[in-house]
């Protein structure tokens, strides 16, 4: 099961993370996505949430993401935490608008 939330900023992200935790999601299985890589890493560090890495993606996808454009990389990461290809495309467009996407999951591939 996974739950997706779209927020505007870090304050809303913090509130949403708390809400997801109260619904039973572990912090290490809550992921914040931002189109800007530095912003995404900063928010993950600041909120102590998970980062999509080798555990979620596997070795080949993790290494492959080094060579992908940011949009392709984000879609790949969305799919690795359980979203469908269509959902990944939809939420990557949301990121293009400067919003944040938060995914809480309990079933990683």
N, C-alpha and C. Protein backbone atom coordinates (compact mmCIF):
# COMPACT_ATOMS: atom_id res chain seq x y z
N UNK A 1 0.85 -1.18 0.00
CA UNK A 1 0.00 0.00 0.00
C UNK A 1 0.89 1.23 0.00
N UNK A 2 0.46 2.24 -0.71
CA UNK A 2 1.18 3.50 -0.66
C UNK A 2 0.19 4.65 -0.69
N UNK A 3 0.65 5.79 -0.21
CA UNK A 3 -0.17 6.99 -0.19
C UNK A 3 0.67 8.13 -0.73
N UNK A 4 0.05 8.95 -1.56
CA UNK A 4 0.74 10.07 -2.21
C UNK A 4 0.09 11.38 -1.77
N UNK A 5 0.92 12.32 -1.40
CA UNK A 5 0.45 13.66 -1.05
C UNK A 5 1.27 14.70 -1.81
N UNK A 6 0.61 15.76 -2.24
CA UNK A 6 1.29 16.87 -2.92
C UNK A 6 1.22 18.08 -2.01
N UNK A 7 2.37 18.73 -1.78
CA UNK A 7 2.43 19.90 -0.92
C UNK A 7 3.22 21.00 -1.62
N UNK A 8 3.13 22.20 -1.06
CA UNK A 8 3.77 23.36 -1.66
C UNK A 8 5.17 23.66 -1.13
N UNK A 9 5.41 23.30 0.17
CA UNK A 9 6.67 23.72 0.79
C UNK A 9 7.08 22.78 1.91
N UNK A 10 8.23 23.08 2.52
CA UNK A 10 8.78 22.24 3.57
C UNK A 10 7.92 22.18 4.82
N UNK A 11 7.25 23.26 5.17
CA UNK A 11 6.39 23.27 6.35
C UNK A 11 5.23 22.30 6.15
N UNK A 12 4.60 22.38 4.99
CA UNK A 12 3.51 21.45 4.68
C UNK A 12 4.03 20.02 4.61
N UNK A 13 5.24 19.85 4.11
CA UNK A 13 5.84 18.51 4.02
C UNK A 13 6.00 17.92 5.41
N UNK A 14 6.48 18.71 6.36
CA UNK A 14 6.66 18.24 7.73
C UNK A 14 5.33 17.81 8.34
N UNK A 15 4.29 18.61 8.13
CA UNK A 15 2.96 18.26 8.64
C UNK A 15 2.45 16.97 8.00
N UNK A 16 2.66 16.84 6.71
CA UNK A 16 2.20 15.66 5.98
C UNK A 16 2.95 14.40 6.44
N UNK A 17 4.24 14.53 6.68
CA UNK A 17 5.03 13.40 7.17
C UNK A 17 4.48 12.94 8.53
N UNK A 18 4.16 13.88 9.40
CA UNK A 18 3.56 13.54 10.69
C UNK A 18 2.24 12.81 10.53
N UNK A 19 1.43 13.28 9.57
CA UNK A 19 0.14 12.64 9.31
C UNK A 19 0.34 11.22 8.80
N UNK A 20 1.31 11.02 7.89
CA UNK A 20 1.58 9.68 7.37
C UNK A 20 2.09 8.76 8.48
N UNK A 21 2.91 9.28 9.36
CA UNK A 21 3.39 8.48 10.49
C UNK A 21 2.22 8.06 11.38
N UNK A 22 1.29 8.97 11.60
CA UNK A 22 0.14 8.64 12.44
C UNK A 22 -0.76 7.59 11.77
N UNK A 23 -0.61 7.43 10.45
CA UNK A 23 -1.37 6.42 9.72
C UNK A 23 -0.60 5.10 9.62
N UNK A 24 0.57 5.03 10.26
CA UNK A 24 1.30 3.78 10.32
C UNK A 24 2.51 3.65 9.41
N UNK A 25 2.84 4.68 8.66
CA UNK A 25 4.02 4.61 7.79
C UNK A 25 5.27 4.93 8.60
N UNK A 26 6.32 4.14 8.43
CA UNK A 26 7.61 4.41 9.08
C UNK A 26 8.32 5.53 8.33
N UNK A 27 9.04 6.37 9.08
CA UNK A 27 9.75 7.50 8.46
C UNK A 27 10.70 7.06 7.36
N UNK A 28 11.34 5.90 7.53
CA UNK A 28 12.28 5.43 6.51
C UNK A 28 11.58 5.00 5.23
N UNK A 29 10.26 4.85 5.27
CA UNK A 29 9.48 4.49 4.08
C UNK A 29 8.61 5.64 3.59
N UNK A 30 8.98 6.85 3.99
CA UNK A 30 8.34 8.06 3.50
C UNK A 30 9.39 8.81 2.69
N UNK A 31 9.03 9.16 1.46
CA UNK A 31 9.99 9.76 0.53
C UNK A 31 9.46 11.10 0.05
N UNK A 32 10.35 12.10 0.04
CA UNK A 32 10.01 13.43 -0.48
C UNK A 32 10.70 13.60 -1.82
N UNK A 33 9.91 13.99 -2.81
CA UNK A 33 10.44 14.23 -4.14
C UNK A 33 10.29 15.70 -4.49
N UNK A 34 11.36 16.27 -5.01
CA UNK A 34 11.34 17.64 -5.55
C UNK A 34 12.07 17.58 -6.88
N UNK A 35 11.71 18.48 -7.79
CA UNK A 35 12.38 18.44 -9.09
C UNK A 35 13.85 18.77 -8.97
N UNK A 36 14.18 19.70 -8.09
CA UNK A 36 15.57 20.08 -7.87
C UNK A 36 16.22 19.07 -6.94
N UNK A 37 17.27 18.45 -7.39
CA UNK A 37 17.93 17.39 -6.63
C UNK A 37 18.42 17.87 -5.26
N UNK A 38 19.01 19.07 -5.21
CA UNK A 38 19.50 19.60 -3.93
C UNK A 38 18.36 19.84 -2.96
N UNK A 39 17.25 20.36 -3.46
CA UNK A 39 16.08 20.60 -2.60
C UNK A 39 15.55 19.28 -2.05
N UNK A 40 15.50 18.28 -2.89
CA UNK A 40 15.02 16.97 -2.47
C UNK A 40 15.90 16.39 -1.37
N UNK A 41 17.22 16.45 -1.56
CA UNK A 41 18.15 15.92 -0.57
C UNK A 41 18.08 16.71 0.73
N UNK A 42 17.99 18.04 0.62
CA UNK A 42 17.90 18.90 1.81
C UNK A 42 16.64 18.57 2.62
N UNK A 43 15.50 18.44 1.94
CA UNK A 43 14.26 18.14 2.65
C UNK A 43 14.29 16.75 3.27
N UNK A 44 14.86 15.78 2.58
CA UNK A 44 14.97 14.43 3.15
C UNK A 44 15.83 14.45 4.40
N UNK A 45 16.93 15.18 4.35
CA UNK A 45 17.81 15.30 5.53
C UNK A 45 17.10 16.03 6.67
N UNK A 46 16.44 17.13 6.35
CA UNK A 46 15.80 17.95 7.37
C UNK A 46 14.64 17.23 8.05
N UNK A 47 13.95 16.38 7.33
CA UNK A 47 12.78 15.68 7.89
C UNK A 47 13.11 14.26 8.32
N UNK A 48 14.36 13.86 8.11
CA UNK A 48 14.82 12.51 8.49
C UNK A 48 13.97 11.42 7.84
N UNK A 49 13.64 11.62 6.57
CA UNK A 49 12.86 10.63 5.83
C UNK A 49 13.78 9.86 4.90
N UNK A 50 13.24 8.83 4.27
CA UNK A 50 14.03 7.97 3.41
C UNK A 50 14.45 8.65 2.12
N UNK A 51 15.53 8.14 1.56
CA UNK A 51 15.96 8.56 0.22
C UNK A 51 15.94 7.33 -0.66
N UNK A 52 15.45 7.50 -1.87
CA UNK A 52 15.38 6.38 -2.79
C UNK A 52 16.79 6.07 -3.26
N UNK A 53 17.26 4.90 -2.92
CA UNK A 53 18.62 4.51 -3.26
C UNK A 53 18.67 3.09 -3.79
N UNK A 54 19.81 2.47 -3.57
CA UNK A 54 20.03 1.13 -4.11
C UNK A 54 19.05 0.11 -3.52
N UNK A 55 18.71 0.26 -2.25
CA UNK A 55 17.79 -0.68 -1.62
C UNK A 55 16.45 -0.70 -2.36
N UNK A 56 15.95 0.47 -2.72
CA UNK A 56 14.66 0.57 -3.37
C UNK A 56 14.75 0.27 -4.86
N UNK A 57 15.82 0.69 -5.51
CA UNK A 57 15.92 0.60 -6.96
C UNK A 57 16.71 -0.59 -7.46
N UNK A 58 17.60 -1.10 -6.66
CA UNK A 58 18.50 -2.12 -7.15
C UNK A 58 19.73 -1.47 -7.77
N UNK A 59 20.76 -2.25 -7.91
CA UNK A 59 22.05 -1.74 -8.39
C UNK A 59 21.97 -1.14 -9.78
N UNK A 60 21.36 -1.85 -10.73
CA UNK A 60 21.39 -1.39 -12.11
C UNK A 60 20.60 -0.10 -12.31
N UNK A 61 19.43 0.02 -11.68
CA UNK A 61 18.66 1.26 -11.81
C UNK A 61 19.37 2.42 -11.13
N UNK A 62 19.98 2.16 -9.96
CA UNK A 62 20.71 3.23 -9.26
C UNK A 62 21.86 3.76 -10.09
N UNK A 63 22.63 2.85 -10.66
CA UNK A 63 23.76 3.27 -11.51
C UNK A 63 23.24 3.94 -12.77
N UNK A 64 22.18 3.40 -13.35
CA UNK A 64 21.61 3.97 -14.58
C UNK A 64 21.10 5.38 -14.40
N UNK A 65 20.60 5.69 -13.19
CA UNK A 65 20.07 7.03 -12.94
C UNK A 65 21.14 8.10 -13.02
N UNK A 66 22.39 7.73 -12.83
CA UNK A 66 23.49 8.70 -12.93
C UNK A 66 23.53 9.31 -14.33
N UNK A 67 23.13 8.54 -15.32
CA UNK A 67 23.22 8.96 -16.71
C UNK A 67 21.90 9.46 -17.29
N UNK A 68 20.84 9.45 -16.51
CA UNK A 68 19.53 9.87 -17.00
C UNK A 68 19.30 11.36 -16.76
N UNK A 69 18.41 11.93 -17.55
CA UNK A 69 17.95 13.29 -17.29
C UNK A 69 17.13 13.26 -16.01
N UNK A 70 17.00 14.40 -15.35
CA UNK A 70 16.33 14.46 -14.05
C UNK A 70 14.90 13.92 -14.11
N UNK A 71 14.14 14.26 -15.14
CA UNK A 71 12.77 13.76 -15.25
C UNK A 71 12.71 12.25 -15.34
N UNK A 72 13.60 11.66 -16.13
CA UNK A 72 13.67 10.20 -16.25
C UNK A 72 14.05 9.57 -14.91
N UNK A 73 15.00 10.19 -14.24
CA UNK A 73 15.45 9.69 -12.94
C UNK A 73 14.30 9.71 -11.93
N UNK A 74 13.55 10.80 -11.90
CA UNK A 74 12.43 10.92 -10.96
C UNK A 74 11.35 9.88 -11.25
N UNK A 75 11.02 9.69 -12.51
CA UNK A 75 10.01 8.68 -12.86
C UNK A 75 10.48 7.29 -12.42
N UNK A 76 11.74 7.00 -12.63
CA UNK A 76 12.30 5.71 -12.21
C UNK A 76 12.21 5.54 -10.70
N UNK A 77 12.51 6.60 -9.96
CA UNK A 77 12.43 6.53 -8.50
C UNK A 77 10.99 6.37 -8.03
N UNK A 78 10.06 7.09 -8.67
CA UNK A 78 8.65 6.93 -8.32
C UNK A 78 8.22 5.48 -8.50
N UNK A 79 8.60 4.89 -9.61
CA UNK A 79 8.22 3.50 -9.88
C UNK A 79 8.86 2.55 -8.87
N UNK A 80 10.07 2.86 -8.42
CA UNK A 80 10.75 1.97 -7.49
C UNK A 80 10.10 1.96 -6.10
N UNK A 81 9.31 2.99 -5.78
CA UNK A 81 8.60 2.99 -4.50
C UNK A 81 7.13 2.58 -4.65
N UNK A 82 6.77 2.09 -5.85
CA UNK A 82 5.46 1.47 -6.01
C UNK A 82 4.47 2.13 -6.95
N UNK A 83 4.79 3.31 -7.48
CA UNK A 83 3.85 3.96 -8.38
C UNK A 83 3.87 3.28 -9.74
N UNK A 84 2.75 3.36 -10.44
CA UNK A 84 2.69 2.85 -11.80
C UNK A 84 3.41 3.83 -12.73
N UNK A 85 3.67 3.39 -13.96
CA UNK A 85 4.31 4.26 -14.94
C UNK A 85 3.47 5.51 -15.19
N UNK A 86 2.17 5.35 -15.28
CA UNK A 86 1.27 6.50 -15.52
C UNK A 86 1.31 7.46 -14.34
N UNK A 87 1.27 6.92 -13.13
CA UNK A 87 1.34 7.78 -11.94
C UNK A 87 2.68 8.50 -11.88
N UNK A 88 3.75 7.79 -12.19
CA UNK A 88 5.09 8.39 -12.17
C UNK A 88 5.16 9.58 -13.13
N UNK A 89 4.59 9.43 -14.31
CA UNK A 89 4.57 10.53 -15.28
C UNK A 89 3.74 11.69 -14.76
N UNK A 90 2.59 11.37 -14.19
CA UNK A 90 1.69 12.41 -13.67
C UNK A 90 2.37 13.21 -12.55
N UNK A 91 3.00 12.53 -11.61
CA UNK A 91 3.60 13.23 -10.48
C UNK A 91 4.91 13.92 -10.86
N UNK A 92 5.58 13.44 -11.89
CA UNK A 92 6.78 14.15 -12.36
C UNK A 92 6.37 15.51 -12.91
N UNK A 93 5.20 15.59 -13.54
CA UNK A 93 4.68 16.88 -14.03
C UNK A 93 4.34 17.81 -12.87
N UNK A 94 3.84 17.25 -11.78
CA UNK A 94 3.55 18.05 -10.58
C UNK A 94 4.85 18.67 -10.06
N UNK A 95 5.93 17.89 -10.08
CA UNK A 95 7.22 18.40 -9.65
C UNK A 95 7.70 19.54 -10.54
N UNK A 96 7.39 19.46 -11.83
CA UNK A 96 7.75 20.53 -12.77
C UNK A 96 7.14 21.86 -12.36
N UNK A 97 6.02 21.82 -11.64
CA UNK A 97 5.33 23.03 -11.18
C UNK A 97 5.95 23.60 -9.90
N UNK A 98 7.00 22.96 -9.39
CA UNK A 98 7.66 23.44 -8.18
C UNK A 98 7.09 22.88 -6.89
N UNK A 99 6.14 21.96 -7.00
CA UNK A 99 5.54 21.37 -5.81
C UNK A 99 6.38 20.18 -5.35
N UNK A 100 6.06 19.70 -4.17
CA UNK A 100 6.71 18.52 -3.60
C UNK A 100 5.73 17.36 -3.61
N UNK A 101 6.24 16.18 -3.86
CA UNK A 101 5.42 14.97 -3.79
C UNK A 101 5.99 14.10 -2.69
N UNK A 102 5.11 13.68 -1.80
CA UNK A 102 5.51 12.82 -0.68
C UNK A 102 4.82 11.47 -0.86
N UNK A 103 5.61 10.42 -0.80
CA UNK A 103 5.08 9.07 -0.95
C UNK A 103 5.40 8.28 0.31
N UNK A 104 4.37 7.74 0.93
CA UNK A 104 4.54 6.80 2.04
C UNK A 104 4.23 5.42 1.51
N UNK A 105 5.09 4.47 1.78
CA UNK A 105 4.87 3.12 1.25
C UNK A 105 5.21 2.07 2.30
N UNK A 106 4.59 0.92 2.16
CA UNK A 106 4.96 -0.21 3.02
C UNK A 106 5.27 -1.45 2.19
N UNK A 107 5.38 -1.26 0.89
CA UNK A 107 5.68 -2.40 0.04
C UNK A 107 6.63 -2.01 -1.09
N UNK A 108 7.91 -2.11 -0.81
CA UNK A 108 8.92 -1.80 -1.82
C UNK A 108 9.17 -3.01 -2.68
N UNK A 109 9.56 -2.75 -3.92
CA UNK A 109 9.86 -3.83 -4.86
C UNK A 109 11.08 -4.60 -4.42
